[in-house]
Protein backbone atom coordinates (compact mmCIF):
# COMPACT_ATOMS: atom_id res chain seq x y z
CA MET A 1 -0.12 0.15 0.13
CA LYS A 2 2.89 2.43 0.82
CA LYS A 3 4.27 1.66 -2.76
CA VAL A 4 1.23 2.34 -4.28
CA LEU A 5 0.39 5.83 -2.86
CA LYS A 6 4.37 6.79 -3.16
CA VAL A 7 3.88 5.97 -6.96
CA VAL A 8 0.42 8.19 -7.10
CA THR A 9 2.32 11.09 -5.04
CA ASN A 10 4.95 10.76 -7.44
CA LYS A 11 5.71 14.61 -9.01
CA TYR A 12 6.29 12.98 -12.43
CA PHE A 13 3.32 10.92 -11.97
CA ILE A 14 0.86 13.69 -11.37
CA ALA A 15 2.64 15.62 -13.99
CA VAL A 16 2.45 12.98 -16.73
CA LEU A 17 -1.15 12.25 -15.54
CA ALA A 18 -2.18 16.33 -15.75
CA PHE A 19 -0.83 16.21 -19.23
CA VAL A 20 -2.50 13.11 -20.60
CA THR A 21 -5.82 14.23 -19.20
CA TRP A 22 -4.71 17.73 -20.77
CA THR A 23 -4.44 16.54 -24.11
CA LEU A 24 -7.45 13.69 -24.38
CA PHE A 25 -9.85 16.14 -22.91
CA PHE A 26 -9.10 19.98 -22.92
CA ASP A 27 -6.84 21.11 -25.67
CA GLN A 28 -7.42 22.24 -28.94
CA ASN A 29 -6.62 18.86 -30.43
CA ASP A 30 -8.68 16.81 -28.13
CA TRP A 31 -8.94 12.45 -28.38
CA PHE A 32 -12.64 13.88 -30.05
CA SER A 33 -11.74 16.19 -32.24
CA LEU A 34 -9.41 14.03 -33.72
CA GLN A 35 -12.41 10.87 -34.52
CA GLN A 36 -14.47 13.76 -35.84
CA ARG A 37 -12.07 15.10 -37.71
CA GLN A 38 -11.36 11.44 -38.99
CA LYS A 39 -14.94 10.86 -39.72
CA GLU A 40 -14.82 13.86 -42.11
CA LEU A 41 -11.78 13.19 -43.41
CA ASN A 42 -13.47 9.56 -44.93
CA GLY A 43 -16.47 10.98 -45.92
CA VAL A 44 -14.90 13.42 -48.04
CA LYS A 45 -12.53 10.59 -49.23
CA ASP A 46 -15.52 8.85 -50.36
CA ASN A 47 -16.81 12.08 -52.00
CA ILE A 48 -13.71 11.93 -54.14
CA LYS A 49 -14.02 8.82 -55.12
CA TYR A 50 -17.50 9.18 -56.33
CA LEU A 51 -16.64 12.05 -58.34
CA ASN A 52 -13.65 10.45 -59.68
CA THR A 53 -15.94 8.06 -60.80
CA GLU A 54 -18.26 9.90 -62.40
CA ILE A 55 -15.62 12.23 -63.98
CA THR A 56 -14.54 8.80 -66.30
CA ARG A 57 -18.35 7.92 -67.01
CA MET A 58 -19.18 11.46 -67.99
CA ASN A 59 -15.74 11.35 -69.92
CA THR A 60 -16.62 8.25 -71.84
CA GLU A 61 -19.82 9.19 -72.37
CA ARG A 62 -18.61 12.74 -74.01
CA THR A 63 -15.76 10.48 -76.30
CA ASN A 64 -18.83 8.68 -77.42
CA LEU A 65 -20.88 11.32 -78.27
CA LEU A 66 -17.96 13.16 -80.02
CA THR A 67 -17.43 10.18 -82.42
CA ASN A 68 -20.41 8.03 -82.65
CA PRO A 69 -23.16 9.71 -84.63
CA GLN A 70 -26.33 7.56 -83.13
CA LYS A 71 -25.10 7.79 -79.83
CA LEU A 72 -25.13 12.20 -80.28
CA GLU A 73 -28.64 11.67 -81.82
CA GLN A 74 -29.91 9.10 -78.82
CA TYR A 75 -28.48 11.70 -76.69
CA ALA A 76 -30.60 14.74 -78.52
CA ARG A 77 -33.57 12.84 -78.52
CA GLU A 78 -33.53 11.34 -74.92
CA ASN A 79 -32.66 14.28 -73.04
CA TYR A 80 -33.37 17.56 -75.44
CA ARG A 81 -36.52 15.53 -76.84
CA MET A 82 -35.39 16.58 -80.42
CA LYS A 83 -37.17 14.67 -83.22
CA HIS A 84 -37.00 14.27 -87.13
CA GLU A 85 -39.78 15.93 -89.77
CA GLY A 86 -42.87 14.14 -89.71
CA GLU A 87 -42.32 12.28 -86.03
CA ASP A 88 -44.67 12.99 -82.99
CA ILE A 89 -43.34 12.73 -79.47
CA TYR A 90 -45.26 11.55 -76.89
CA VAL A 91 -43.69 11.91 -72.96
CA ILE A 92 -45.08 9.98 -70.38
CA ASP A 93 -43.95 10.67 -66.94
CA ASP A 94 -43.64 8.75 -64.36
CA VAL A 95 -45.59 9.40 -61.46
CA SER A 96 -44.31 7.68 -58.10
CA GLU A 97 -46.01 7.10 -54.70
CA ASN A 98 -43.86 9.82 -53.30
CA ASN A 99 -44.76 12.71 -55.67
CA LYS A 100 -48.40 11.91 -56.42
CA GLY A 101 -50.52 15.15 -55.15
CA THR A 102 -47.31 17.09 -55.50
CA LYS A 103 -46.97 19.45 -58.77
């Protein structure tokens, strides 16, 4: 018991304990803030991966549009509702359960 009391009252032990307590809870870069920043960093990395795949997809689509006339015509018909002379276009909107009654 005296040995434990001697270690606990040691000035170096108290200094180290105070330092660890300060850095874990009260410092600007405490453990909880670091965990939060790590979560934010992981979210940003996931967003970067998503955006890189979107860039790749869009570059592929752009290349297809510039080199393939059929793809260009298909894109224009689907997205801009373009048509040839004498054609009729019927646009059917799909109303889902969530959008019923909202307009």
